[in-house]
Amino acid sequence: MNRNKPFQFPPDLPIMNTRFTLLFPALLAAMPFLAQPGALDPTFGTGGYVVDPTLSPAVSVAVYPDGRIVASSGPSLYMYMPDGTLAAGFGTGGVLASLGISAGKVLIQPDGRILAGGLINAGGVDIAVARYAEDGTPDASFGTDGIAQVALPNFDYFNGMTLLDDGRVLVTGTWNIADSPALLVMLNPDGTPDDTFGTSGQVQWVPEAGDDFKAYDAAVQQDGAIVFSGFHSAQADDDFVARFTATGAVDNTYNGTGILYLDFGPNNDEVVQVELDAQGRAILLATASSASSFHSGSLARVNTDGTLDLTFGTDGILPLNSATSTYVPTSFIVQADGKLVVTGATAGGSSAARELFVSRYTADGVLDPDFGDAGYSILALPERESGLAIAATSEGKLVVAGQSHITGEVPDLLLARFWQDSGVLVSGMPQQGDLLTVLPCPVTTSFTIASSVPFTPTTKLEILDMTGRQLMLPYWYMPEGFLVDATSLPAGMYIARIHSHEGSRSARFQKH
């Protein structure tokens, strides 16, 4: 198909936009103000954020497709509505207290049930995972009365939790015995140990002599292989990323040994998070582990064969600070388009100048100038704020959970929401983003993508699903926009992206 021929309506599409050229200037004049990516979302809380001095800081956050927010804070879970108010139907007034565990990570299953992973103190400290219904009721079908406990002699410590597509739950941590092995635990969807993984659902890993191994975080490839980040204090280059097979065996095809040690410089960094991009490469976040290195923090990218990806940042590593900046990164996400969004604090814990920050980088590790102020968005409040966890919503927003010191030295709950992309989806109204408009929205059998800047024959159009996968849809070019045949497009949320000599612009839309 010639996608760049002069526009004419194909005979099999409804002629729904014959008046489009006449209406286009009026539509642009009627557009509301478009938010800058990285700007606070004023429809959330007060001016884009919520500070609640009655609640403790949130260390993990997850978001439902409808925009509800679930945050974990040690012994409690909180649920907030999309407007920033507590969800009355969850727990007691939006708060589920006395979980029975100290939750360090929260995840939402596709069926809406909530997983909380952390520690339980029942005669000794053990890893535990609890599951709850959407209203906060313990799920008695999981573990014992809703809690699955990993009971090992001596203490075992929780560091991370990953939900697999088949409903199994992978927990990462360490075991406080001789050599302190890195610990990976696989649970079935009902909370029982998965006997197909390791030994009775566990892998206790000491790859070489020297103690103090930690498994911090894990991500699962499409083939079931597990990539996880960790720490080995006996090594000079003490951070590592490793890969196991789906059954818990060391994958020696990964860097030839199953493990890649990394050197992030003289600072005391630890690789606390790993995510996979669309190509299956591992993106690692190394963050400060001690007050003496509060200014440190880096991203790194590792190829699928376990070698450092030298095309990312500088020789595979992207320092997140200059010689004079003091940012402390804590968490990041990979967007559908490959961009990386990081949150944390602009200074160390005791600094009066500490503020919550969000920054965005291109897929290759360059600050995104279209996000916030030259790549950074700062929540400038006077109470020593910091971001501790970040999640993306289905409608193009970023939710950051963390803490504020509005009431003094004891930190309080802080939630903030930022625009990930410009524009907002309003059912039945034109969808706008970076001066793009999708008409009609929601989409039916066909739709038009328009712009305030006329398109040219070299303008390229992409339609992506929410995983970043490009979809092949027929479309026709005209200077005022593209007409797209959406007959074969399933219902759901999508991204329309335009590429031209002026750069890339995008808008989200919905198909009914």
Protein backbone atom coordinates (compact mmCIF):
# COMPACT_ATOMS: atom_id res chain seq x y z
CA MET A 1 0.00 0.00 0.00
CA ASN A 2 1.26 3.48 -0.86
CA ARG A 3 0.92 5.33 2.44
CA ASN A 4 2.04 8.66 1.03
CA LYS A 5 -0.31 9.11 -1.90
CA PRO A 6 -2.72 12.10 -1.96
CA PHE A 7 -5.60 11.49 0.40
CA GLN A 8 -8.89 10.10 -0.75
CA PHE A 9 -11.46 8.25 1.30
CA PRO A 10 -11.36 4.51 0.64
CA PRO A 11 -14.73 3.17 -0.44
CA ASP A 12 -15.01 0.71 2.46
CA LEU A 13 -14.67 3.33 5.21
CA PRO A 14 -17.43 5.63 6.43
CA ILE A 15 -17.02 9.20 5.24
CA MET A 16 -16.98 10.61 8.75
CA ASN A 17 -14.48 13.42 8.31
CA THR A 18 -15.55 15.22 5.11
CA ARG A 19 -15.90 18.45 7.13
CA PHE A 20 -12.64 17.88 8.99
CA THR A 21 -10.60 20.54 7.18
CA LEU A 22 -13.25 23.17 7.91
CA LEU A 23 -13.58 22.10 11.54
CA PHE A 24 -9.85 21.71 12.24
CA PRO A 25 -9.09 25.34 13.26
CA ALA A 26 -12.16 25.41 15.50
CA LEU A 27 -11.10 22.17 17.16
CA LEU A 28 -7.65 23.56 17.89
CA ALA A 29 -9.12 26.72 19.35
CA ALA A 30 -11.34 24.62 21.61
CA MET A 31 -8.47 22.50 22.95
CA PRO A 32 -7.81 22.86 26.67
CA PHE A 33 -4.32 23.67 27.93
CA LEU A 34 -2.01 20.70 27.32
CA ALA A 35 0.10 19.67 30.29
CA GLN A 36 3.85 19.41 29.95
CA PRO A 37 5.10 15.84 30.45
CA GLY A 38 6.46 15.75 33.99
CA ALA A 39 4.08 18.42 35.28
CA LEU A 40 2.00 17.75 38.37
CA ASP A 41 -1.53 16.54 37.63
CA PRO A 42 -3.82 19.12 39.30
CA THR A 43 -6.76 16.69 39.30
CA PHE A 44 -5.02 14.64 41.99
CA GLY A 45 -5.16 15.67 45.64
CA THR A 46 -4.27 19.33 46.16
CA GLY A 47 -2.39 20.62 43.17
CA GLY A 48 -1.13 17.15 42.24
CA TYR A 49 -0.07 15.66 45.57
CA VAL A 50 -1.36 14.32 48.88
CA VAL A 51 0.41 14.60 52.23
CA ASP A 52 -1.24 12.75 55.12
CA PRO A 53 0.40 13.24 58.54
CA THR A 54 -1.82 10.50 60.04
CA LEU A 55 -0.25 7.80 57.83
CA SER A 56 3.28 6.44 57.54
CA PRO A 57 5.44 6.74 54.40
CA ALA A 58 4.75 4.44 51.47
CA VAL A 59 7.64 2.27 50.30
CA SER A 60 5.87 0.56 47.38
CA VAL A 61 3.00 1.48 45.08
CA ALA A 62 0.80 -0.23 42.47
CA VAL A 63 -2.05 1.12 40.34
CA TYR A 64 -5.29 -0.49 39.14
CA PRO A 65 -6.32 0.01 35.50
CA ASP A 66 -9.11 2.33 36.72
CA GLY A 67 -6.58 4.58 38.48
CA ARG A 68 -6.98 3.45 42.08
CA ILE A 69 -3.69 3.45 43.97
CA VAL A 70 -2.50 0.86 46.50
CA ALA A 71 0.53 1.70 48.65
CA SER A 72 2.33 -0.38 51.26
CA SER A 73 3.77 1.03 54.44
CA GLY A 74 5.13 -1.67 56.70
CA PRO A 75 2.19 -3.04 58.71
CA SER A 76 -0.45 -1.21 56.63
CA LEU A 77 -1.86 -0.92 53.14
CA TYR A 78 -3.57 2.20 51.81
CA MET A 79 -5.93 2.56 48.87
CA TYR A 80 -6.60 5.90 47.20
CA MET A 81 -9.13 6.82 44.56
CA PRO A 82 -7.97 8.42 41.27
CA ASP A 83 -8.74 11.89 42.68
CA GLY A 84 -6.42 11.40 45.68
CA THR A 85 -9.03 10.65 48.35
CA LEU A 86 -8.90 7.50 50.46
CA ALA A 87 -11.07 4.65 49.12
CA ALA A 88 -13.86 4.19 51.64
CA GLY A 89 -14.56 0.61 50.53
CA PHE A 90 -11.07 -0.64 51.35
CA GLY A 91 -10.24 -1.77 54.88
CA THR A 92 -11.39 0.93 57.28
CA GLY A 93 -11.78 4.21 55.43
CA GLY A 94 -9.09 3.30 52.90
CA VAL A 95 -6.58 1.92 55.42
CA LEU A 96 -5.89 -1.75 56.07
CA ALA A 97 -3.89 -1.85 59.30
CA SER A 98 -2.33 -4.70 61.27
CA LEU A 99 -1.55 -6.86 58.25
CA GLY A 100 0.31 -9.39 60.32
CA ILE A 101 3.40 -8.78 58.19
CA SER A 102 5.64 -5.82 57.49
CA ALA A 103 5.03 -5.22 53.78
CA GLY A 104 7.91 -3.94 51.66
CA LYS A 105 6.34 -4.56 48.25
CA VAL A 106 2.79 -4.45 46.89
CA LEU A 107 1.56 -5.87 43.58
CA ILE A 108 -1.89 -6.11 41.96
CA GLN A 109 -2.88 -9.32 40.21
CA PRO A 110 -4.82 -9.18 36.91
CA ASP A 111 -7.94 -10.34 38.80
CA GLY A 112 -7.65 -7.36 41.17
CA ARG A 113 -6.39 -9.20 44.23
CA ILE A 114 -3.54 -7.55 46.12
CA LEU A 115 -0.22 -9.19 47.02
CA ALA A 116 1.88 -7.79 49.86
CA GLY A 117 5.37 -9.19 50.40
CA GLY A 118 7.62 -8.62 53.37
CA LEU A 119 8.55 -10.06 56.77
CA ILE A 120 6.65 -11.79 59.54
CA ASN A 121 7.87 -12.02 63.13
CA ALA A 122 6.46 -15.21 64.57
CA GLY A 123 9.12 -16.54 66.91
CA GLY A 124 11.73 -15.49 64.33
CA VAL A 125 11.91 -13.24 61.30
CA ASP A 126 10.75 -14.95 58.10
CA ILE A 127 9.77 -13.96 54.58
CA ALA A 128 6.00 -13.82 54.07
CA VAL A 129 3.54 -12.99 51.30
CA ALA A 130 -0.09 -12.06 52.02
CA ARG A 131 -3.00 -11.75 49.60
CA TYR A 132 -6.13 -9.65 49.91
CA ALA A 133 -9.34 -9.07 48.00
CA GLU A 134 -9.97 -5.61 46.52
CA ASP A 135 -11.84 -4.57 49.67
CA GLY A 136 -8.92 -5.58 51.91
CA THR A 137 -10.39 -8.88 53.11
CA PRO A 138 -7.68 -11.54 53.61
CA ASP A 139 -7.79 -14.18 50.86
CA ALA A 140 -8.16 -17.46 52.76
CA SER A 141 -7.40 -19.44 49.58
CA PHE A 142 -3.78 -18.24 49.73
CA GLY A 143 -1.28 -19.82 52.11
CA THR A 144 -2.67 -20.21 55.62
CA ASP A 145 -5.51 -17.79 56.29
CA GLY A 146 -4.17 -15.51 53.56
CA ILE A 147 -0.45 -15.56 54.45
CA ALA A 148 2.28 -17.76 52.96
CA GLN A 149 5.31 -17.96 55.28
CA VAL A 150 8.81 -19.10 54.34
CA ALA A 151 9.92 -20.71 57.59
CA LEU A 152 13.71 -21.19 57.69
CA PRO A 153 16.03 -21.61 60.69
CA ASN A 154 17.57 -18.30 61.74
CA PHE A 155 16.39 -15.12 60.05
CA ASP A 156 15.60 -14.80 56.36
CA TYR A 157 15.17 -11.35 54.87
CA PHE A 158 12.81 -10.05 52.18
CA ASN A 159 14.11 -7.76 49.42
CA GLY A 160 11.73 -8.05 46.47
CA MET A 161 8.70 -9.74 44.90
CA THR A 162 7.75 -10.45 41.29
CA LEU A 163 4.44 -11.70 39.89
CA LEU A 164 4.71 -14.14 36.99
CA ASP A 165 2.19 -14.30 34.15
CA ASP A 166 0.98 -17.72 35.32
CA GLY A 167 0.15 -16.39 38.80
CA ARG A 168 3.19 -17.71 40.63
CA VAL A 169 5.05 -15.36 42.97
CA LEU A 170 8.85 -15.07 43.10
CA VAL A 171 10.41 -13.64 46.26
CA THR A 172 14.03 -12.49 46.49
CA GLY A 173 16.05 -12.04 49.66
CA THR A 174 18.88 -13.48 51.75
CA TRP A 175 19.26 -16.10 54.48
CA ASN A 176 21.16 -15.30 57.66
CA ILE A 177 23.28 -18.43 57.98
CA ALA A 178 26.92 -19.19 57.12
CA ASP A 179 27.89 -17.43 53.87
CA SER A 180 24.48 -15.68 53.87
CA PRO A 181 23.25 -17.18 50.58
CA ALA A 182 21.11 -15.27 48.15
CA LEU A 183 17.59 -16.63 48.44
CA LEU A 184 14.96 -17.09 45.73
CA VAL A 185 11.57 -18.56 46.66
CA MET A 186 8.84 -19.52 44.17
CA LEU A 187 5.24 -19.82 45.37
CA ASN A 188 2.34 -21.33 43.47
CA PRO A 189 -0.75 -19.15 42.86
CA ASP A 190 -2.25 -20.59 46.07
CA GLY A 191 0.81 -19.72 48.15
CA THR A 192 2.23 -23.23 48.43
CA PRO A 193 5.89 -23.86 47.49
CA ASP A 194 6.46 -24.59 43.80
CA ASP A 195 8.27 -27.94 43.81
CA THR A 196 9.34 -27.50 40.17
CA PHE A 197 11.65 -24.66 41.21
CA GLY A 198 14.96 -25.35 42.97
CA THR A 199 14.54 -27.60 45.99
CA SER A 200 11.03 -27.49 47.41
CA GLY A 201 10.50 -24.09 45.79
CA GLN A 202 13.76 -22.54 47.01
CA VAL A 203 17.20 -21.69 45.65
CA GLN A 204 19.91 -20.86 48.20
CA TRP A 205 22.84 -19.58 46.14
CA VAL A 206 26.48 -19.08 47.08
CA PRO A 207 28.29 -18.95 43.73
CA GLU A 208 31.79 -18.62 45.21
CA ALA A 209 33.64 -18.24 48.48
CA GLY A 210 32.93 -15.23 50.65
CA ASP A 211 29.85 -14.36 52.61
CA ASP A 212 26.99 -11.88 52.45
CA PHE A 213 25.02 -12.52 49.29
CA LYS A 214 21.77 -10.68 48.67
CA ALA A 215 19.18 -11.16 45.94
CA TYR A 216 17.52 -7.77 45.67
CA ASP A 217 15.10 -7.86 42.76
CA ALA A 218 14.12 -10.12 39.87
CA ALA A 219 12.48 -9.96 36.45
CA VAL A 220 11.21 -12.90 34.42
CA GLN A 221 11.84 -13.33 30.70
CA GLN A 222 9.17 -14.60 28.31
CA ASP A 223 10.84 -18.03 28.30
CA GLY A 224 10.62 -18.20 32.10
CA ALA A 225 14.31 -17.52 32.78
CA ILE A 226 14.90 -15.34 35.84
CA VAL A 227 17.22 -12.32 35.80
CA PHE A 228 18.00 -10.99 39.25
CA SER A 229 20.22 -8.33 40.76
CA GLY A 230 22.29 -8.80 43.87
CA PHE A 231 25.22 -7.92 46.08
CA HIS A 232 28.31 -9.84 47.20
CA SER A 233 30.32 -7.98 49.81
CA ALA A 234 33.45 -10.12 49.40
CA GLN A 235 34.00 -8.84 45.85
CA ALA A 236 35.63 -5.51 44.99
CA ASP A 237 33.02 -5.16 42.26
CA ASP A 238 30.31 -6.20 44.67
CA ASP A 239 27.18 -5.69 42.55
CA PHE A 240 25.98 -8.37 40.18
CA VAL A 241 23.25 -9.48 37.84
CA ALA A 242 22.66 -13.20 37.30
CA ARG A 243 20.31 -15.47 35.38
CA PHE A 244 18.68 -18.74 36.37
CA THR A 245 16.61 -21.08 34.25
CA ALA A 246 12.89 -21.39 34.89
CA THR A 247 13.59 -24.33 37.19
CA GLY A 248 16.14 -22.44 39.31
CA ALA A 249 19.43 -23.69 37.83
CA VAL A 250 22.31 -21.34 37.03
CA ASP A 251 22.18 -20.36 33.34
CA ASN A 252 25.82 -20.58 32.26
CA THR A 253 25.02 -19.13 28.84
CA TYR A 254 24.66 -15.78 30.62
CA ASN A 255 28.10 -14.14 30.44
CA GLY A 256 29.63 -17.63 30.37
CA THR A 257 29.22 -18.14 34.12
CA GLY A 258 25.63 -17.16 34.87
CA ILE A 259 26.72 -13.96 36.60
CA LEU A 260 28.08 -10.51 35.67
CA TYR A 261 29.84 -8.44 38.33
CA LEU A 262 29.59 -4.66 37.95
CA ASP A 263 31.64 -1.70 39.12
CA PHE A 264 29.72 1.53 39.59
CA GLY A 265 32.71 3.49 40.85
CA PRO A 266 33.99 4.34 44.33
CA ASN A 267 30.60 4.88 45.90
CA ASN A 268 28.80 2.24 47.95
CA ASP A 269 26.04 1.42 45.50
CA GLU A 270 23.83 -1.66 45.47
CA VAL A 271 21.74 -2.83 42.50
CA VAL A 272 18.32 -2.78 44.11
CA GLN A 273 16.06 -3.02 41.04
CA VAL A 274 16.02 -4.80 37.68
CA GLU A 275 13.48 -4.43 34.87
CA LEU A 276 13.43 -5.86 31.35
CA ASP A 277 12.91 -3.67 28.29
CA ALA A 278 11.01 -4.74 25.16
CA GLN A 279 14.16 -6.38 23.76
CA GLY A 280 14.66 -8.44 26.92
CA ARG A 281 17.70 -6.46 28.08
CA ALA A 282 18.10 -5.95 31.82
CA ILE A 283 17.95 -2.37 33.09
CA LEU A 284 19.55 -2.03 36.51
CA LEU A 285 19.25 0.69 39.14
CA ALA A 286 22.17 1.04 41.51
CA THR A 287 21.46 3.32 44.44
CA ALA A 288 23.27 4.49 47.56
CA SER A 289 23.61 2.07 50.45
CA SER A 290 25.18 4.38 53.03
CA ALA A 291 25.16 8.01 54.08
CA SER A 292 28.72 8.44 52.81
CA SER A 293 27.53 7.85 49.23
CA PHE A 294 24.23 9.70 49.23
CA HIS A 295 25.13 11.43 45.95
CA SER A 296 25.62 8.20 44.03
CA GLY A 297 23.31 6.24 41.79
CA SER A 298 23.46 4.82 38.28
CA LEU A 299 21.50 2.99 35.62
CA ALA A 300 23.06 0.21 33.58
CA ARG A 301 21.90 -1.98 30.72
CA VAL A 302 22.90 -5.61 30.20
CA ASN A 303 22.40 -7.52 26.97
CA THR A 304 20.44 -10.76 26.83
CA ASP A 305 23.75 -12.70 26.72
CA GLY A 306 24.86 -11.21 30.04
CA THR A 307 27.36 -8.69 28.69
CA LEU A 308 27.24 -4.99 29.46
CA ASP A 309 25.49 -3.05 26.68
CA LEU A 310 28.14 -0.51 25.68
CA THR A 311 25.66 1.50 23.59
CA PHE A 312 23.84 2.63 26.75
CA GLY A 313 25.01 5.71 28.64
CA THR A 314 28.81 5.65 28.76
CA ASP A 315 30.09 2.14 28.12
CA GLY A 316 26.90 0.62 29.52
CA ILE A 317 26.52 2.73 32.67
CA LEU A 318 24.64 5.99 33.14
CA PRO A 319 25.62 7.96 36.29
CA LEU A 320 22.57 9.82 37.58
CA ASN A 321 24.60 12.62 39.14
CA SER A 322 27.10 15.19 38.01
CA ALA A 323 30.15 16.11 40.07
CA THR A 324 28.04 18.63 42.00
CA SER A 325 24.54 17.12 42.17
CA THR A 326 23.33 15.03 45.11
CA TYR A 327 20.36 13.09 43.75
CA VAL A 328 19.49 9.81 45.48
CA PRO A 329 17.55 7.51 43.10
CA THR A 330 15.34 4.87 44.66
CA SER A 331 13.05 3.40 41.98
CA PHE A 332 12.37 3.48 38.23
CA ILE A 333 10.05 2.18 35.53
CA VAL A 334 10.50 1.36 31.84
CA GLN A 335 7.87 3.07 29.68
CA ALA A 336 6.23 1.29 26.75
CA ASP A 337 8.41 3.35 24.39
CA GLY A 338 11.60 2.32 26.22
CA LYS A 339 12.16 5.56 28.09
CA LEU A 340 13.28 5.28 31.72
CA VAL A 341 11.63 7.27 34.52
CA VAL A 342 13.47 7.54 37.84
CA THR A 343 12.33 8.91 41.21
CA GLY A 344 14.10 9.65 44.47
CA ALA A 345 15.33 12.65 46.45
CA THR A 346 17.52 15.59 45.49
CA ALA A 347 19.70 15.26 48.59
CA GLY A 348 20.51 12.99 51.52
CA GLY A 349 18.14 12.17 54.35
CA SER A 350 19.20 14.91 56.74
CA SER A 351 19.41 17.74 54.23
CA ALA A 352 16.84 20.52 54.64
CA ALA A 353 17.03 21.00 50.86
CA ARG A 354 15.83 17.49 50.07
CA GLU A 355 12.97 17.40 47.54
CA LEU A 356 11.21 14.67 45.60
CA PHE A 357 12.36 14.39 41.99
CA VAL A 358 11.28 12.54 38.86
CA SER A 359 13.58 12.39 35.85
CA ARG A 360 13.24 10.77 32.45
CA TYR A 361 15.83 9.37 30.05
CA THR A 362 15.65 8.09 26.51
CA ALA A 363 16.03 4.37 25.93
CA ASP A 364 19.74 4.91 25.28
CA GLY A 365 20.39 6.86 28.46
CA VAL A 366 20.09 10.54 27.51
CA LEU A 367 18.07 13.02 29.57
CA ASP A 368 14.72 13.66 27.89
CA PRO A 369 14.46 17.45 27.37
CA ASP A 370 10.70 17.18 26.76
CA PHE A 371 10.10 15.99 30.33
CA GLY A 372 9.74 18.55 33.12
CA ASP A 373 12.54 21.13 33.17
CA ALA A 374 15.30 19.75 30.94
CA GLY A 375 14.55 16.19 32.02
CA TYR A 376 13.67 16.76 35.70
CA SER A 377 10.48 17.47 37.60
CA ILE A 378 10.85 18.61 41.22
CA LEU A 379 8.12 18.64 43.87
CA ALA A 380 9.32 21.75 45.66
CA LEU A 381 7.83 21.50 49.15
CA PRO A 382 9.61 22.71 52.30
CA GLU A 383 9.32 19.51 54.35
CA ARG A 384 12.21 17.24 53.14
CA GLU A 385 10.28 15.09 50.66
CA SER A 386 11.51 12.04 48.81
CA GLY A 387 10.09 9.56 46.31
CA LEU A 388 10.47 5.89 47.26
CA ALA A 389 8.46 4.07 44.57
CA ILE A 390 6.94 4.85 41.18
CA ALA A 391 4.25 3.30 38.95
CA ALA A 392 2.60 4.26 35.66
CA THR A 393 -1.16 4.43 35.19
CA SER A 394 -3.06 3.16 32.15
CA GLU A 395 -3.96 6.72 31.13
CA GLY A 396 -0.46 8.17 30.88
CA LYS A 397 0.32 9.39 34.37
CA LEU A 398 3.06 8.65 36.90
CA VAL A 399 2.28 7.96 40.56
CA VAL A 400 5.11 8.46 43.05
CA ALA A 401 4.84 7.25 46.64
CA GLY A 402 7.16 8.44 49.36
CA GLN A 403 7.48 10.59 52.41
CA SER A 404 7.29 14.13 53.74
CA HIS A 405 8.35 15.59 57.08
CA ILE A 406 5.50 18.05 57.33
CA THR A 407 4.93 17.23 61.02
CA GLY A 408 8.59 17.01 62.07
CA GLU A 409 11.20 14.27 62.26
CA VAL A 410 8.72 11.41 61.95
CA PRO A 411 7.99 11.06 58.21
CA ASP A 412 4.47 11.17 56.80
CA LEU A 413 2.80 9.67 53.73
CA LEU A 414 3.30 11.48 50.44
CA LEU A 415 1.71 10.63 47.09
CA ALA A 416 2.18 12.69 43.94
CA ARG A 417 0.94 12.26 40.38
CA PHE A 418 2.65 13.64 37.28
CA TRP A 419 1.86 13.65 33.58
CA GLN A 420 3.78 10.96 31.76
CA ASP A 421 2.61 12.30 28.41
CA SER A 422 0.65 15.40 27.48
CA GLY A 423 -3.11 15.35 27.32
CA VAL A 424 -5.86 13.48 29.09
CA LEU A 425 -8.38 10.91 27.94
CA VAL A 426 -11.94 12.17 28.33
CA SER A 427 -14.60 9.72 27.19
CA GLY A 428 -16.52 11.07 24.20
CA MET A 429 -14.14 14.03 23.70
CA PRO A 430 -11.20 14.48 21.31
CA GLN A 431 -8.01 12.90 22.64
CA GLN A 432 -5.14 15.35 22.75
CA GLY A 433 -1.44 14.96 23.39
CA ASP A 434 1.54 17.09 22.28
CA LEU A 435 -0.87 18.97 19.94
CA LEU A 436 -2.18 15.75 18.41
CA THR A 437 -5.91 15.05 18.28
CA VAL A 438 -7.67 11.72 17.75
CA LEU A 439 -11.22 12.00 16.40
CA PRO A 440 -13.55 10.51 17.40
CA CYS A 441 -12.46 9.33 20.81
CA PRO A 442 -13.30 6.68 21.85
CA VAL A 443 -12.49 5.21 18.44
CA THR A 444 -14.99 3.07 16.53
CA THR A 445 -14.31 1.68 13.01
CA SER A 446 -11.99 4.47 11.83
CA PHE A 447 -10.44 7.62 13.21
CA THR A 448 -8.45 10.68 12.20
CA ILE A 449 -5.17 11.84 13.74
CA ALA A 450 -4.68 15.57 13.38
CA SER A 451 -2.07 18.10 14.43
CA SER A 452 -1.71 21.83 14.80
CA VAL A 453 1.34 21.49 12.52
CA PRO A 454 0.47 20.14 9.04
CA PHE A 455 1.87 16.74 8.19
CA THR A 456 4.16 16.16 5.21
CA PRO A 457 4.54 13.11 2.95
CA THR A 458 7.59 12.08 5.02
CA THR A 459 5.66 12.11 8.31
CA LYS A 460 5.46 8.63 9.79
CA LEU A 461 2.66 7.20 11.91
CA GLU A 462 2.89 4.40 14.50
CA ILE A 463 0.07 2.79 16.45
CA LEU A 464 1.28 1.03 19.61
CA ASP A 465 -0.46 -1.05 22.23
CA MET A 466 0.21 -0.45 25.93
CA THR A 467 3.14 -2.90 25.93
CA GLY A 468 4.89 -0.86 23.23
CA ARG A 469 4.20 -3.38 20.44
CA GLN A 470 3.65 -1.72 17.06
CA LEU A 471 0.39 -2.62 15.29
CA MET A 472 -0.01 -2.69 11.52
CA LEU A 473 -3.17 -0.77 10.61
CA PRO A 474 -4.06 0.64 7.16
CA TYR A 475 -3.92 4.44 7.04
CA TRP A 476 -4.11 7.22 4.46
CA TYR A 477 -2.19 10.50 4.42
CA MET A 478 -3.48 14.04 4.00
CA PRO A 479 -1.78 17.31 5.04
CA GLU A 480 -4.26 17.87 7.89
CA GLY A 481 -3.93 14.36 9.32
CA PHE A 482 -4.10 10.61 8.86
CA LEU A 483 -7.22 8.54 8.41
CA VAL A 484 -6.79 5.14 10.08
CA ASP A 485 -8.84 1.98 9.55
CA ALA A 486 -9.46 0.60 13.07
CA THR A 487 -11.84 -2.19 12.09
CA SER A 488 -9.42 -4.92 13.19
CA LEU A 489 -8.26 -3.11 16.35
CA PRO A 490 -9.45 -4.84 19.56
CA ALA A 491 -11.02 -2.77 22.33
CA GLY A 492 -8.50 -1.20 24.67
CA MET A 493 -6.03 1.66 25.18
CA TYR A 494 -3.47 2.62 22.51
CA ILE A 495 -0.85 5.20 21.62
CA ALA A 496 -0.71 7.11 18.32
CA ARG A 497 2.79 8.44 17.63
CA ILE A 498 3.87 10.81 14.87
CA HIS A 499 7.50 11.05 13.73
CA SER A 500 8.62 14.07 11.67
CA HIS A 501 11.63 16.34 11.27
CA GLU A 502 10.31 18.29 14.28
CA GLY A 503 10.51 15.23 16.54
CA SER A 504 7.99 12.75 17.90
CA ARG A 505 4.54 13.52 19.28
CA SER A 506 2.05 11.14 20.79
CA ALA A 507 -1.52 10.87 22.02
CA ARG A 508 -3.37 8.12 23.84
CA PHE A 509 -6.77 6.94 22.73
CA GLN A 510 -9.36 4.30 23.47
CA LYS A 511 -11.05 1.81 21.13
CA HIS A 512 -14.57 0.74 22.05
